[in-house]
């Protein structure tokens, strides 16, 4: 594996852990795709640093379990600002 990919995977994991970021937020911050973030954390990082991968995976699992709540809140917010016809 290329050195820059390993470094990116470590930086991504640290960012996720420190900022409690979602895959989408992380992808935007690093200028990569969501699938790249996911592959870096789940596949590549487990080979490089399994302990760091486990911490990052835990944050992503929590975010995934809460996403339906965030989606509902976003929809509620969208319609709260909508004016009546």
C-alpha atoms as a PDB file:
ATOM      1  CA  UNK A   1       0.000   0.000   0.000  1.00  0.00           C
ATOM      2  CA  UNK A   2       1.230   3.476  -0.838  1.00  0.00           C
ATOM      3  CA  UNK A   3       2.474   5.636   2.025  1.00  0.00           C
ATOM      4  CA  UNK A   4       0.107   8.517   1.276  1.00  0.00           C
ATOM      5  CA  UNK A   5      -2.897   6.167   1.434  1.00  0.00           C
ATOM      6  CA  UNK A   6      -1.794   4.874   4.838  1.00  0.00           C
ATOM      7  CA  UNK A   7      -1.294   8.434   6.090  1.00  0.00           C
ATOM      8  CA  UNK A   8      -4.693   9.486   4.732  1.00  0.00           C
ATOM      9  CA  UNK A   9      -6.376   6.543   6.470  1.00  0.00           C
ATOM     10  CA  UNK A  10      -4.780   7.497   9.792  1.00  0.00           C
ATOM     11  CA  UNK A  11      -5.695  11.190   9.379  1.00  0.00           C
ATOM     12  CA  UNK A  12      -9.268  10.267   8.466  1.00  0.00           C
ATOM     13  CA  UNK A  13      -9.623   8.031  11.511  1.00  0.00           C
ATOM     14  CA  UNK A  14      -8.218  10.691  13.832  1.00  0.00           C
ATOM     15  CA  UNK A  15     -10.591  13.281  12.332  1.00  0.00           C
ATOM     16  CA  UNK A  16     -13.601  11.001  12.831  1.00  0.00           C
ATOM     17  CA  UNK A  17     -12.656  10.269  16.432  1.00  0.00           C
ATOM     18  CA  UNK A  18     -11.823  13.870  17.399  1.00  0.00           C
ATOM     19  CA  UNK A  19     -14.798  15.550  15.743  1.00  0.00           C
ATOM     20  CA  UNK A  20     -17.394  12.759  15.961  1.00  0.00           C
ATOM     21  CA  UNK A  21     -17.834  13.228  12.217  1.00  0.00           C
ATOM     22  CA  UNK A  22     -20.017  11.229   9.879  1.00  0.00           C
ATOM     23  CA  UNK A  23     -18.709   9.575   6.723  1.00  0.00           C
ATOM     24  CA  UNK A  24     -20.272  12.352   4.640  1.00  0.00           C
ATOM     25  CA  UNK A  25     -18.698  15.143   6.732  1.00  0.00           C
ATOM     26  CA  UNK A  26     -15.317  13.418   6.640  1.00  0.00           C
ATOM     27  CA  UNK A  27     -15.449  12.913   2.883  1.00  0.00           C
ATOM     28  CA  UNK A  28     -16.217  16.596   2.374  1.00  0.00           C
ATOM     29  CA  UNK A  29     -13.413  17.687   4.724  1.00  0.00           C
ATOM     30  CA  UNK A  30     -10.798  15.518   2.987  1.00  0.00           C
ATOM     31  CA  UNK A  31     -12.054  15.954  -0.573  1.00  0.00           C
ATOM     32  CA  UNK A  32     -12.585  12.242  -1.178  1.00  0.00           C
ATOM     33  CA  UNK A  33     -15.652  10.086  -1.774  1.00  0.00           C
ATOM     34  CA  UNK A  34     -17.746   8.490   0.944  1.00  0.00           C
ATOM     35  CA  UNK A  35     -16.702   5.058  -0.293  1.00  0.00           C
ATOM     36  CA  UNK A  36     -13.023   6.023   0.052  1.00  0.00           C
ATOM     37  CA  UNK A  37     -13.587   7.098   3.656  1.00  0.00           C
ATOM     38  CA  UNK A  38     -15.434   3.875   4.393  1.00  0.00           C
ATOM     39  CA  UNK A  39     -12.763   1.708   2.751  1.00  0.00           C
ATOM     40  CA  UNK A  40      -9.958   3.557   4.539  1.00  0.00           C
ATOM     41  CA  UNK A  41     -11.558   3.024   7.944  1.00  0.00           C
ATOM     42  CA  UNK A  42     -12.901  -0.504   7.532  1.00  0.00           C
ATOM     43  CA  UNK A  43     -10.281  -2.199   5.352  1.00  0.00           C
ATOM     44  CA  UNK A  44      -7.013  -0.316   5.145  1.00  0.00           C
ATOM     45  CA  UNK A  45      -6.814   0.936   8.703  1.00  0.00           C
ATOM     46  CA  UNK A  46      -7.394  -2.501  10.213  1.00  0.00           C
ATOM     47  CA  UNK A  47      -4.125  -3.590   8.594  1.00  0.00           C
ATOM     48  CA  UNK A  48      -2.229  -0.459   9.647  1.00  0.00           C
ATOM     49  CA  UNK A  49      -3.522   0.243  13.168  1.00  0.00           C
ATOM     50  CA  UNK A  50      -6.274  -2.085  14.442  1.00  0.00           C
ATOM     51  CA  UNK A  51      -6.822  -0.160  17.701  1.00  0.00           C
ATOM     52  CA  UNK A  52      -7.367   3.136  15.873  1.00  0.00           C
ATOM     53  CA  UNK A  53      -9.648   1.381  13.382  1.00  0.00           C
ATOM     54  CA  UNK A  54     -11.767   0.036  16.230  1.00  0.00           C
ATOM     55  CA  UNK A  55     -12.185   3.513  17.771  1.00  0.00           C
ATOM     56  CA  UNK A  56     -13.136   5.093  14.442  1.00  0.00           C
ATOM     57  CA  UNK A  57     -15.505   2.240  13.648  1.00  0.00           C
ATOM     58  CA  UNK A  58     -17.247   2.745  16.998  1.00  0.00           C
ATOM     59  CA  UNK A  59     -17.903   6.435  16.193  1.00  0.00           C
ATOM     60  CA  UNK A  60     -19.226   5.524  12.744  1.00  0.00           C
ATOM     61  CA  UNK A  61     -21.493   2.834  14.205  1.00  0.00           C
ATOM     62  CA  UNK A  62     -22.970   5.327  16.686  1.00  0.00           C
ATOM     63  CA  UNK A  63     -23.523   7.839  13.886  1.00  0.00           C
ATOM     64  CA  UNK A  64     -25.188   5.174  11.766  1.00  0.00           C
ATOM     65  CA  UNK A  65     -27.521   4.179  14.577  1.00  0.00           C
ATOM     66  CA  UNK A  66     -28.570   7.831  15.029  1.00  0.00           C
ATOM     67  CA  UNK A  67     -28.976   8.780  11.373  1.00  0.00           C
ATOM     68  CA  UNK A  68     -32.716   8.139  11.229  1.00  0.00           C
ATOM     69  CA  UNK A  69     -33.155  10.649  14.062  1.00  0.00           C
ATOM     70  CA  UNK A  70     -31.047  13.286  12.274  1.00  0.00           C
ATOM     71  CA  UNK A  71     -33.038  12.725   9.088  1.00  0.00           C
ATOM     72  CA  UNK A  72     -36.315  13.233  10.922  1.00  0.00           C
ATOM     73  CA  UNK A  73     -35.037  16.422  12.536  1.00  0.00           C
ATOM     74  CA  UNK A  74     -33.867  17.758   9.176  1.00  0.00           C
ATOM     75  CA  UNK A  75     -37.293  17.099   7.661  1.00  0.00           C
ATOM     76  CA  UNK A  76     -39.018  18.744  10.603  1.00  0.00           C
ATOM     77  CA  UNK A  77     -36.752  21.784  10.252  1.00  0.00           C
ATOM     78  CA  UNK A  78     -37.419  21.964   6.512  1.00  0.00           C
ATOM     79  CA  UNK A  79     -41.178  22.139   6.965  1.00  0.00           C
ATOM     80  CA  UNK A  80     -41.009  24.456   9.975  1.00  0.00           C
ATOM     81  CA  UNK A  81     -39.549  27.210   7.778  1.00  0.00           C
ATOM     82  CA  UNK A  82     -42.015  26.658   4.984  1.00  0.00           C
ATOM     83  CA  UNK A  83     -44.705  29.320   4.762  1.00  0.00           C
ATOM     84  CA  UNK A  84     -48.354  28.357   4.533  1.00  0.00           C
ATOM     85  CA  UNK A  85     -49.958  28.841   1.172  1.00  0.00           C
END
